[in-house]
Structures are given as C-alpha cells and as structure tokens.
C-alpha cells in the first residue's frame, strides 16, 4: 500500500505505472496471505486467529475500486483531480483499516 500511496502522491496530473502495479501486487499478496491463514488456523487455533471476513471484504472492495479507477484513468491522458482524490482517500482508508482494526 505504501507503493500505491507513494505513486499517487508523486504525481497528481498523470497516473504513474507503479500505482497499478502496486495495486495488483497488494491484491495478490492479500489474497495469498488470507489463503495461508486458513491452514494455520486449522493446525493451531490457539495461536492463529481466524480470518476476519468483514475486514478482508472491505479491503477487497476498496482495492478493486482503486484498480477500476486506475484502469479507467489509464486510458486518458490526464488524471482528473476527483479521480486522484478518490484513489488517495481510498488508499488511506485501506491503510487505516489495516492499522487500527
């Protein structure tokens, strides 16, 4: 998420290629980590908590929204300020959810 936020803050006029790459990387890594958590919980439930499906679902929706906005903005030459602001706020929301929740 740091690469995604850094890429967005680096340029508000055009979409950096690193933004889409970081978004896809966060999606794959997040799904992989959730997938690994299930066998760990089954092996030792006292040590490993179960997956919080609500948190995973909310972060998945946020990330997919950022990806959709990014791919729609990629086709255009200039990144609109509203799209950029929405992507930044969604990214910050995902970071806050990861830290606080």
PDB file of N, CA and C in Angstrom:
ATOM      1  N   UNK A   1       0.817  -1.181   0.000  1.00  0.00           N
ATOM      2  CA  UNK A   1       0.000   0.000   0.000  1.00  0.00           C
ATOM      3  C   UNK A   1       0.873   1.262   0.000  1.00  0.00           C
ATOM      4  N   UNK A   2       2.076   1.144   0.525  1.00  0.00           N
ATOM      5  CA  UNK A   2       2.968   2.301   0.529  1.00  0.00           C
ATOM      6  C   UNK A   2       3.367   2.684  -0.895  1.00  0.00           C
ATOM      7  N   UNK A   3       3.603   1.693  -1.743  1.00  0.00           N
ATOM      8  CA  UNK A   3       3.933   1.983  -3.139  1.00  0.00           C
ATOM      9  C   UNK A   3       2.773   2.622  -3.862  1.00  0.00           C
ATOM     10  N   UNK A   4       1.585   2.188  -3.551  1.00  0.00           N
ATOM     11  CA  UNK A   4       0.383   2.763  -4.156  1.00  0.00           C
ATOM     12  C   UNK A   4       0.208   4.215  -3.727  1.00  0.00           C
ATOM     13  N   UNK A   5       0.313   4.470  -2.440  1.00  0.00           N
ATOM     14  CA  UNK A   5       0.176   5.831  -1.937  1.00  0.00           C
ATOM     15  C   UNK A   5       1.314   6.717  -2.431  1.00  0.00           C
ATOM     16  N   UNK A   6       2.519   6.197  -2.430  1.00  0.00           N
ATOM     17  CA  UNK A   6       3.659   6.976  -2.925  1.00  0.00           C
ATOM     18  C   UNK A   6       3.528   7.321  -4.394  1.00  0.00           C
ATOM     19  N   UNK A   7       3.066   6.380  -5.197  1.00  0.00           N
ATOM     20  CA  UNK A   7       2.871   6.649  -6.616  1.00  0.00           C
ATOM     21  C   UNK A   7       1.790   7.681  -6.866  1.00  0.00           C
ATOM     22  N   UNK A   8       0.739   7.649  -6.052  1.00  0.00           N
ATOM     23  CA  UNK A   8      -0.321   8.636  -6.210  1.00  0.00           C
ATOM     24  C   UNK A   8       0.129  10.025  -5.769  1.00  0.00           C
ATOM     25  N   UNK A   9       0.876  10.081  -4.683  1.00  0.00           N
ATOM     26  CA  UNK A   9       1.327  11.387  -4.192  1.00  0.00           C
ATOM     27  C   UNK A   9       2.441  11.967  -5.044  1.00  0.00           C
ATOM     28  N   UNK A  10       3.150  11.133  -5.789  1.00  0.00           N
ATOM     29  CA  UNK A  10       4.244  11.621  -6.626  1.00  0.00           C
ATOM     30  C   UNK A  10       3.731  12.459  -7.791  1.00  0.00           C
ATOM     31  N   UNK A  11       2.580  12.114  -8.311  1.00  0.00           N
ATOM     32  CA  UNK A  11       2.057  12.855  -9.452  1.00  0.00           C
ATOM     33  C   UNK A  11       0.541  12.865  -9.407  1.00  0.00           C
ATOM     34  N   UNK A  12      -0.012  14.051  -9.330  1.00  0.00           N
ATOM     35  CA  UNK A  12      -1.465  14.163  -9.340  1.00  0.00           C
ATOM     36  C   UNK A  12      -1.996  14.499 -10.728  1.00  0.00           C
ATOM     37  N   UNK A  13      -1.102  14.727 -11.684  1.00  0.00           N
ATOM     38  CA  UNK A  13      -1.510  15.093 -13.047  1.00  0.00           C
ATOM     39  C   UNK A  13      -1.703  13.880 -13.952  1.00  0.00           C
ATOM     40  N   UNK A  14      -0.842  12.880 -13.793  1.00  0.00           N
ATOM     41  CA  UNK A  14      -0.953  11.676 -14.618  1.00  0.00           C
ATOM     42  C   UNK A  14      -0.777  10.452 -13.726  1.00  0.00           C
ATOM     43  N   UNK A  15      -1.264   9.322 -14.219  1.00  0.00           N
ATOM     44  CA  UNK A  15      -1.212   8.099 -13.436  1.00  0.00           C
ATOM     45  C   UNK A  15       0.133   7.416 -13.640  1.00  0.00           C
ATOM     46  N   UNK A  16       0.852   7.225 -12.549  1.00  0.00           N
ATOM     47  CA  UNK A  16       2.132   6.541 -12.566  1.00  0.00           C
ATOM     48  C   UNK A  16       1.906   5.047 -12.786  1.00  0.00           C
ATOM     49  N   UNK A  17       2.752   4.396 -13.574  1.00  0.00           N
ATOM     50  CA  UNK A  17       2.599   2.962 -13.821  1.00  0.00           C
ATOM     51  C   UNK A  17       2.750   2.146 -12.539  1.00  0.00           C
ATOM     52  N   UNK A  18       3.506   2.667 -11.606  1.00  0.00           N
ATOM     53  CA  UNK A  18       3.700   1.971 -10.340  1.00  0.00           C
ATOM     54  C   UNK A  18       2.435   1.858  -9.510  1.00  0.00           C
ATOM     55  N   UNK A  19       1.481   2.735  -9.749  1.00  0.00           N
ATOM     56  CA  UNK A  19       0.232   2.707  -8.997  1.00  0.00           C
ATOM     57  C   UNK A  19      -0.542   1.432  -9.319  1.00  0.00           C
ATOM     58  N   UNK A  20      -0.699   1.130 -10.583  1.00  0.00           N
ATOM     59  CA  UNK A  20      -1.423  -0.078 -10.965  1.00  0.00           C
ATOM     60  C   UNK A  20      -0.650  -1.330 -10.571  1.00  0.00           C
ATOM     61  N   UNK A  21       0.657  -1.277 -10.713  1.00  0.00           N
ATOM     62  CA  UNK A  21       1.482  -2.420 -10.311  1.00  0.00           C
ATOM     63  C   UNK A  21       1.360  -2.672  -8.813  1.00  0.00           C
ATOM     64  N   UNK A  22       1.421  -1.617  -8.020  1.00  0.00           N
ATOM     65  CA  UNK A  22       1.300  -1.759  -6.563  1.00  0.00           C
ATOM     66  C   UNK A  22      -0.083  -2.251  -6.169  1.00  0.00           C
ATOM     67  N   UNK A  23      -1.106  -1.798  -6.885  1.00  0.00           N
ATOM     68  CA  UNK A  23      -2.467  -2.256  -6.593  1.00  0.00           C
ATOM     69  C   UNK A  23      -2.614  -3.747  -6.862  1.00  0.00           C
ATOM     70  N   UNK A  24      -2.125  -4.190  -7.991  1.00  0.00           N
ATOM     71  CA  UNK A  24      -2.208  -5.615  -8.311  1.00  0.00           C
ATOM     72  C   UNK A  24      -1.375  -6.445  -7.343  1.00  0.00           C
ATOM     73  N   UNK A  25      -0.201  -5.939  -6.979  1.00  0.00           N
ATOM     74  CA  UNK A  25       0.643  -6.644  -6.021  1.00  0.00           C
ATOM     75  C   UNK A  25      -0.048  -6.759  -4.659  1.00  0.00           C
ATOM     76  N   UNK A  26      -0.699  -5.690  -4.217  1.00  0.00           N
ATOM     77  CA  UNK A  26      -1.422  -5.727  -2.947  1.00  0.00           C
ATOM     78  C   UNK A  26      -2.582  -6.714  -3.008  1.00  0.00           C
ATOM     79  N   UNK A  27      -3.262  -6.794  -4.149  1.00  0.00           N
ATOM     80  CA  UNK A  27      -4.362  -7.739  -4.304  1.00  0.00           C
ATOM     81  C   UNK A  27      -3.870  -9.182  -4.220  1.00  0.00           C
ATOM     82  N   UNK A  28      -2.825  -9.498  -4.961  1.00  0.00           N
ATOM     83  CA  UNK A  28      -2.289 -10.864  -4.963  1.00  0.00           C
ATOM     84  C   UNK A  28      -1.724 -11.230  -3.595  1.00  0.00           C
ATOM     85  N   UNK A  29      -0.975 -10.313  -2.983  1.00  0.00           N
ATOM     86  CA  UNK A  29      -0.390 -10.585  -1.669  1.00  0.00           C
ATOM     87  C   UNK A  29      -1.474 -10.755  -0.601  1.00  0.00           C
ATOM     88  N   UNK A  30      -2.495  -9.906  -0.643  1.00  0.00           N
ATOM     89  CA  UNK A  30      -3.570 -10.010   0.330  1.00  0.00           C
ATOM     90  C   UNK A  30      -4.333 -11.318   0.214  1.00  0.00           C
ATOM     91  N   UNK A  31      -4.651 -11.715  -1.009  1.00  0.00           N
ATOM     92  CA  UNK A  31      -5.354 -12.980  -1.199  1.00  0.00           C
ATOM     93  C   UNK A  31      -4.480 -14.160  -0.786  1.00  0.00           C
ATOM     94  N   UNK A  32      -3.186 -14.063  -1.065  1.00  0.00           N
ATOM     95  CA  UNK A  32      -2.268 -15.124  -0.656  1.00  0.00           C
ATOM     96  C   UNK A  32      -2.162 -15.238   0.855  1.00  0.00           C
ATOM     97  N   UNK A  33      -2.079 -14.120   1.536  1.00  0.00           N
ATOM     98  CA  UNK A  33      -1.979 -14.141   2.994  1.00  0.00           C
ATOM     99  C   UNK A  33      -3.255 -14.654   3.650  1.00  0.00           C
ATOM    100  N   UNK A  34      -4.400 -14.296   3.081  1.00  0.00           N
ATOM    101  CA  UNK A  34      -5.657 -14.823   3.607  1.00  0.00           C
ATOM    102  C   UNK A  34      -5.730 -16.323   3.369  1.00  0.00           C
ATOM    103  N   UNK A  35      -5.276 -16.771   2.208  1.00  0.00           N
ATOM    104  CA  UNK A  35      -5.282 -18.198   1.902  1.00  0.00           C
ATOM    105  C   UNK A  35      -4.356 -18.997   2.797  1.00  0.00           C
ATOM    106  N   UNK A  36      -3.246 -18.415   3.195  1.00  0.00           N
ATOM    107  CA  UNK A  36      -2.306 -19.097   4.088  1.00  0.00           C
ATOM    108  C   UNK A  36      -2.867 -19.173   5.512  1.00  0.00           C
ATOM    109  N   UNK A  37      -3.666 -18.210   5.883  1.00  0.00           N
ATOM    110  CA  UNK A  37      -4.172 -18.132   7.249  1.00  0.00           C
ATOM    111  C   UNK A  37      -5.109 -19.293   7.602  1.00  0.00           C
ATOM    112  N   UNK A  38      -5.877 -19.779   6.614  1.00  0.00           N
ATOM    113  CA  UNK A  38      -6.812 -20.876   6.892  1.00  0.00           C
ATOM    114  C   UNK A  38      -6.110 -22.136   7.403  1.00  0.00           C
ATOM    115  N   UNK A  39      -5.084 -22.663   6.704  1.00  0.00           N
ATOM    116  CA  UNK A  39      -4.430 -23.867   7.236  1.00  0.00           C
ATOM    117  C   UNK A  39      -3.720 -23.621   8.571  1.00  0.00           C
ATOM    118  N   UNK A  40      -3.202 -22.413   8.774  1.00  0.00           N
ATOM    119  CA  UNK A  40      -2.555 -22.109  10.049  1.00  0.00           C
ATOM    120  C   UNK A  40      -3.562 -22.158  11.189  1.00  0.00           C
ATOM    121  N   UNK A  41      -4.749 -21.612  10.962  1.00  0.00           N
ATOM    122  CA  UNK A  41      -5.794 -21.625  11.985  1.00  0.00           C
ATOM    123  C   UNK A  41      -6.257 -23.045  12.258  1.00  0.00           C
ATOM    124  N   UNK A  42      -6.387 -23.858  11.212  1.00  0.00           N
ATOM    125  CA  UNK A  42      -6.828 -25.238  11.421  1.00  0.00           C
ATOM    126  C   UNK A  42      -5.781 -26.058  12.168  1.00  0.00           C
ATOM    127  N   UNK A  43      -4.509 -25.775  11.934  1.00  0.00           N
ATOM    128  CA  UNK A  43      -3.439 -26.524  12.596  1.00  0.00           C
ATOM    129  C   UNK A  43      -3.316 -26.148  14.069  1.00  0.00           C
ATOM    130  N   UNK A  44      -3.420 -24.862  14.391  1.00  0.00           N
ATOM    131  CA  UNK A  44      -3.249 -24.408  15.770  1.00  0.00           C
ATOM    132  C   UNK A  44      -4.164 -23.211  16.037  1.00  0.00           C
ATOM    133  N   UNK A  45      -5.445 -23.458  16.362  1.00  0.00           N
ATOM    134  CA  UNK A  45      -6.388 -22.350  16.560  1.00  0.00           C
ATOM    135  C   UNK A  45      -6.066 -21.465  17.764  1.00  0.00           C
ATOM    136  N   UNK A  46      -5.332 -21.975  18.720  1.00  0.00           N
ATOM    137  CA  UNK A  46      -4.978 -21.154  19.880  1.00  0.00           C
ATOM    138  C   UNK A  46      -3.934 -20.104  19.527  1.00  0.00           C
ATOM    139  N   UNK A  47      -3.084 -20.411  18.581  1.00  0.00           N
ATOM    140  CA  UNK A  47      -2.004 -19.493  18.204  1.00  0.00           C
ATOM    141  C   UNK A  47      -2.429 -18.545  17.082  1.00  0.00           C
ATOM    142  N   UNK A  48      -3.226 -19.041  16.135  1.00  0.00           N
ATOM    143  CA  UNK A  48      -3.607 -18.260  14.961  1.00  0.00           C
ATOM    144  C   UNK A  48      -5.101 -17.975  15.002  1.00  0.00           C
ATOM    145  N   UNK A  49      -5.456 -16.702  15.013  1.00  0.00           N
ATOM    146  CA  UNK A  49      -6.859 -16.308  14.983  1.00  0.00           C
ATOM    147  C   UNK A  49      -7.469 -16.636  13.624  1.00  0.00           C
ATOM    148  N   UNK A  50      -8.789 -16.749  13.601  1.00  0.00           N
ATOM    149  CA  UNK A  50      -9.459 -16.990  12.328  1.00  0.00           C
ATOM    150  C   UNK A  50      -9.472 -15.692  11.505  1.00  0.00           C
ATOM    151  N   UNK A  51      -9.757 -15.833  10.236  1.00  0.00           N
ATOM    152  CA  UNK A  51      -9.760 -14.687   9.318  1.00  0.00           C
ATOM    153  C   UNK A  51     -10.974 -13.812   9.606  1.00  0.00           C
ATOM    154  N   UNK A  52     -10.764 -12.512   9.662  1.00  0.00           N
ATOM    155  CA  UNK A  52     -11.842 -11.552   9.828  1.00  0.00           C
ATOM    156  C   UNK A  52     -12.405 -11.256   8.433  1.00  0.00           C
ATOM    157  N   UNK A  53     -13.490 -11.923   8.085  1.00  0.00           N
ATOM    158  CA  UNK A  53     -14.036 -11.816   6.735  1.00  0.00           C
ATOM    159  C   UNK A  53     -14.558 -10.423   6.417  1.00  0.00           C
ATOM    160  N   UNK A  54     -15.051  -9.731   7.407  1.00  0.00           N
ATOM    161  CA  UNK A  54     -15.546  -8.371   7.185  1.00  0.00           C
ATOM    162  C   UNK A  54     -14.407  -7.452   6.779  1.00  0.00           C
ATOM    163  N   UNK A  55     -13.310  -7.521   7.498  1.00  0.00           N
ATOM    164  CA  UNK A  55     -12.160  -6.679   7.195  1.00  0.00           C
ATOM    165  C   UNK A  55     -11.594  -7.020   5.820  1.00  0.00           C
ATOM    166  N   UNK A  56     -11.475  -8.290   5.519  1.00  0.00           N
ATOM    167  CA  UNK A  56     -10.944  -8.710   4.221  1.00  0.00           C
ATOM    168  C   UNK A  56     -11.864  -8.251   3.097  1.00  0.00           C
ATOM    169  N   UNK A  57     -13.172  -8.372   3.307  1.00  0.00           N
ATOM    170  CA  UNK A  57     -14.133  -7.955   2.284  1.00  0.00           C
ATOM    171  C   UNK A  57     -14.100  -6.466   2.026  1.00  0.00           C
ATOM    172  N   UNK A  58     -14.028  -5.673   3.082  1.00  0.00           N
ATOM    173  CA  UNK A  58     -13.982  -4.219   2.915  1.00  0.00           C
ATOM    174  C   UNK A  58     -12.706  -3.805   2.197  1.00  0.00           C
ATOM    175  N   UNK A  59     -11.574  -4.362   2.603  1.00  0.00           N
ATOM    176  CA  UNK A  59     -10.309  -4.006   1.942  1.00  0.00           C
ATOM    177  C   UNK A  59     -10.288  -4.477   0.493  1.00  0.00           C
ATOM    178  N   UNK A  60     -10.925  -5.624   0.198  1.00  0.00           N
ATOM    179  CA  UNK A  60     -11.003  -6.106  -1.175  1.00  0.00           C
ATOM    180  C   UNK A  60     -11.830  -5.158  -2.037  1.00  0.00           C
ATOM    181  N   UNK A  61     -12.954  -4.703  -1.526  1.00  0.00           N
ATOM    182  CA  UNK A  61     -13.791  -3.763  -2.277  1.00  0.00           C
ATOM    183  C   UNK A  61     -13.048  -2.452  -2.513  1.00  0.00           C
ATOM    184  N   UNK A  62     -12.342  -1.959  -1.503  1.00  0.00           N
ATOM    185  CA  UNK A  62     -11.568  -0.723  -1.656  1.00  0.00           C
ATOM    186  C   UNK A  62     -10.492  -0.899  -2.716  1.00  0.00           C
ATOM    187  N   UNK A  63      -9.766  -1.993  -2.659  1.00  0.00           N
ATOM    188  CA  UNK A  63      -8.684  -2.224  -3.615  1.00  0.00           C
ATOM    189  C   UNK A  63      -9.213  -2.409  -5.027  1.00  0.00           C
ATOM    190  N   UNK A  64     -10.306  -3.128  -5.178  1.00  0.00           N
ATOM    191  CA  UNK A  64     -10.893  -3.296  -6.507  1.00  0.00           C
ATOM    192  C   UNK A  64     -11.398  -1.966  -7.060  1.00  0.00           C
ATOM    193  N   UNK A  65     -11.928  -1.112  -6.190  1.00  0.00           N
ATOM    194  CA  UNK A  65     -12.356   0.214  -6.627  1.00  0.00           C
ATOM    195  C   UNK A  65     -11.168   1.046  -7.099  1.00  0.00           C
ATOM    196  N   UNK A  66     -10.069   0.989  -6.372  1.00  0.00           N
ATOM    197  CA  UNK A  66      -8.861   1.705  -6.785  1.00  0.00           C
ATOM    198  C   UNK A  66      -8.359   1.169  -8.127  1.00  0.00           C
ATOM    199  N   UNK A  67      -8.391  -0.148  -8.304  1.00  0.00           N
ATOM    200  CA  UNK A  67      -7.958  -0.737  -9.571  1.00  0.00           C
ATOM    201  C   UNK A  67      -8.857  -0.309 -10.724  1.00  0.00           C
ATOM    202  N   UNK A  68     -10.155  -0.310 -10.513  1.00  0.00           N
ATOM    203  CA  UNK A  68     -11.084   0.101 -11.569  1.00  0.00           C
ATOM    204  C   UNK A  68     -10.873   1.563 -11.927  1.00  0.00           C
ATOM    205  N   UNK A  69     -10.751   2.416 -10.916  1.00  0.00           N
ATOM    206  CA  UNK A  69     -10.480   3.838 -11.182  1.00  0.00           C
ATOM    207  C   UNK A  69      -9.155   4.013 -11.915  1.00  0.00           C
ATOM    208  N   UNK A  70      -8.151   3.236 -11.528  1.00  0.00           N
ATOM    209  CA  UNK A  70      -6.844   3.344 -12.165  1.00  0.00           C
ATOM    210  C   UNK A  70      -6.856   2.914 -13.619  1.00  0.00           C
ATOM    211  N   UNK A  71      -7.513   1.805 -13.909  1.00  0.00           N
ATOM    212  CA  UNK A  71      -7.556   1.345 -15.303  1.00  0.00           C
ATOM    213  C   UNK A  71      -8.426   2.246 -16.170  1.00  0.00           C
ATOM    214  N   UNK A  72      -9.462   2.843 -15.594  1.00  0.00           N
ATOM    215  CA  UNK A  72     -10.257   3.804 -16.366  1.00  0.00           C
ATOM    216  C   UNK A  72      -9.461   5.071 -16.632  1.00  0.00           C
ATOM    217  N   UNK A  73      -8.639   5.489 -15.668  1.00  0.00           N
ATOM    218  CA  UNK A  73      -7.838   6.705 -15.837  1.00  0.00           C
ATOM    219  C   UNK A  73      -6.623   6.468 -16.722  1.00  0.00           C
ATOM    220  N   UNK A  74      -6.199   5.224 -16.836  1.00  0.00           N
ATOM    221  CA  UNK A  74      -5.028   4.907 -17.650  1.00  0.00           C
ATOM    222  C   UNK A  74      -5.276   5.208 -19.126  1.00  0.00           C
ATOM    223  N   UNK A  75      -6.505   5.029 -19.571  1.00  0.00           N
ATOM    224  CA  UNK A  75      -6.843   5.261 -20.968  1.00  0.00           C
ATOM    225  C   UNK A  75      -6.820   6.745 -21.321  1.00  0.00           C
ATOM    226  N   UNK A  76      -6.972   7.593 -20.333  1.00  0.00           N
ATOM    227  CA  UNK A  76      -6.990   9.040 -20.573  1.00  0.00           C
ATOM    228  C   UNK A  76      -5.588   9.614 -20.410  1.00  0.00           C
ATOM    229  N   UNK A  77      -5.362  10.753 -21.049  1.00  0.00           N
ATOM    230  CA  UNK A  77      -4.046  11.399 -20.963  1.00  0.00           C
ATOM    231  C   UNK A  77      -3.826  12.030 -19.586  1.00  0.00           C
ATOM    232  N   UNK A  78      -4.827  12.740 -19.117  1.00  0.00           N
ATOM    233  CA  UNK A  78      -4.707  13.439 -17.833  1.00  0.00           C
ATOM    234  C   UNK A  78      -5.568  12.753 -16.786  1.00  0.00           C
ATOM    235  N   UNK A  79      -5.084  12.780 -15.573  1.00  0.00           N
ATOM    236  CA  UNK A  79      -5.809  12.216 -14.445  1.00  0.00           C
ATOM    237  C   UNK A  79      -6.633  13.334 -13.822  1.00  0.00           C
ATOM    238  N   UNK A  80      -7.962  13.134 -13.747  1.00  0.00           N
ATOM    239  CA  UNK A  80      -8.798  14.183 -13.160  1.00  0.00           C
ATOM    240  C   UNK A  80      -8.544  14.272 -11.655  1.00  0.00           C
ATOM    241  N   UNK A  81      -8.762  15.461 -11.145  1.00  0.00           N
ATOM    242  CA  UNK A  81      -8.490  15.692  -9.732  1.00  0.00           C
ATOM    243  C   UNK A  81      -9.419  14.859  -8.851  1.00  0.00           C
ATOM    244  N   UNK A  82     -10.670  14.690  -9.261  1.00  0.00           N
ATOM    245  CA  UNK A  82     -11.614  13.891  -8.471  1.00  0.00           C
ATOM    246  C   UNK A  82     -11.202  12.432  -8.422  1.00  0.00           C
ATOM    247  N   UNK A  83     -10.744  11.893  -9.545  1.00  0.00           N
ATOM    248  CA  UNK A  83     -10.290  10.504  -9.574  1.00  0.00           C
ATOM    249  C   UNK A  83      -9.064  10.334  -8.698  1.00  0.00           C
ATOM    250  N   UNK A  84      -8.119  11.263  -8.810  1.00  0.00           N
ATOM    251  CA  UNK A  84      -6.905  11.197  -7.996  1.00  0.00           C
ATOM    252  C   UNK A  84      -7.245  11.275  -6.512  1.00  0.00           C
ATOM    253  N   UNK A  85      -8.127  12.186  -6.159  1.00  0.00           N
ATOM    254  CA  UNK A  85      -8.503  12.353  -4.758  1.00  0.00           C
ATOM    255  C   UNK A  85      -9.217  11.109  -4.234  1.00  0.00           C
ATOM    256  N   UNK A  86     -10.100  10.527  -5.039  1.00  0.00           N
ATOM    257  CA  UNK A  86     -10.798   9.310  -4.625  1.00  0.00           C
ATOM    258  C   UNK A  86      -9.814   8.167  -4.400  1.00  0.00           C
ATOM    259  N   UNK A  87      -8.833   8.029  -5.289  1.00  0.00           N
ATOM    260  CA  UNK A  87      -7.843   6.961  -5.141  1.00  0.00           C
ATOM    261  C   UNK A  87      -6.998   7.163  -3.895  1.00  0.00           C
ATOM    262  N   UNK A  88      -6.610   8.391  -3.616  1.00  0.00           N
ATOM    263  CA  UNK A  88      -5.800   8.677  -2.420  1.00  0.00           C
ATOM    264  C   UNK A  88      -6.606   8.405  -1.153  1.00  0.00           C
ATOM    265  N   UNK A  89      -7.848   8.864  -1.107  1.00  0.00           N
ATOM    266  CA  UNK A  89      -8.670   8.649   0.085  1.00  0.00           C
ATOM    267  C   UNK A  89      -8.980   7.176   0.298  1.00  0.00           C
ATOM    268  N   UNK A  90      -9.238   6.435  -0.764  1.00  0.00           N
ATOM    269  CA  UNK A  90      -9.476   5.004  -0.619  1.00  0.00           C
ATOM    270  C   UNK A  90      -8.229   4.271  -0.132  1.00  0.00           C
ATOM    271  N   UNK A  91      -7.077   4.676  -0.638  1.00  0.00           N
ATOM    272  CA  UNK A  91      -5.821   4.062  -0.203  1.00  0.00           C
ATOM    273  C   UNK A  91      -5.560   4.361   1.272  1.00  0.00           C
ATOM    274  N   UNK A  92      -5.774   5.599   1.678  1.00  0.00           N
ATOM    275  CA  UNK A  92      -5.600   5.954   3.091  1.00  0.00           C
ATOM    276  C   UNK A  92      -6.594   5.206   3.977  1.00  0.00           C
ATOM    277  N   UNK A  93      -7.802   5.022   3.492  1.00  0.00           N
ATOM    278  CA  UNK A  93      -8.795   4.256   4.249  1.00  0.00           C
ATOM    279  C   UNK A  93      -8.349   2.814   4.440  1.00  0.00           C
ATOM    280  N   UNK A  94      -7.810   2.211   3.393  1.00  0.00           N
ATOM    281  CA  UNK A  94      -7.322   0.830   3.498  1.00  0.00           C
ATOM    282  C   UNK A  94      -6.160   0.735   4.481  1.00  0.00           C
ATOM    283  N   UNK A  95      -5.289   1.727   4.483  1.00  0.00           N
ATOM    284  CA  UNK A  95      -4.159   1.727   5.414  1.00  0.00           C
ATOM    285  C   UNK A  95      -4.663   1.878   6.859  1.00  0.00           C
ATOM    286  N   UNK A  96      -5.609   2.773   7.075  1.00  0.00           N
ATOM    287  CA  UNK A  96      -6.150   2.963   8.423  1.00  0.00           C
ATOM    288  C   UNK A  96      -6.851   1.690   8.902  1.00  0.00           C
ATOM    289  N   UNK A  97      -7.596   1.027   8.019  1.00  0.00           N
ATOM    290  CA  UNK A  97      -8.251  -0.227   8.398  1.00  0.00           C
ATOM    291  C   UNK A  97      -7.223  -1.276   8.794  1.00  0.00           C
ATOM    292  N   UNK A  98      -6.132  -1.351   8.046  1.00  0.00           N
ATOM    293  CA  UNK A  98      -5.095  -2.351   8.344  1.00  0.00           C
ATOM    294  C   UNK A  98      -4.420  -2.075   9.691  1.00  0.00           C
ATOM    295  N   UNK A  99      -4.228  -0.817  10.015  1.00  0.00           N
ATOM    296  CA  UNK A  99      -3.503  -0.476  11.242  1.00  0.00           C
ATOM    297  C   UNK A  99      -4.406  -0.512  12.460  1.00  0.00           C
ATOM    298  N   UNK A 100      -5.591   0.067  12.350  1.00  0.00           N
ATOM    299  CA  UNK A 100      -6.444   0.237  13.522  1.00  0.00           C
ATOM    300  C   UNK A 100      -7.302  -0.984  13.823  1.00  0.00           C
ATOM    301  N   UNK A 101      -7.857  -1.606  12.807  1.00  0.00           N
ATOM    302  CA  UNK A 101      -8.813  -2.697  13.002  1.00  0.00           C
ATOM    303  C   UNK A 101      -8.063  -3.915  13.362  1.00  0.00           C
TER     304      UNK A 101
END
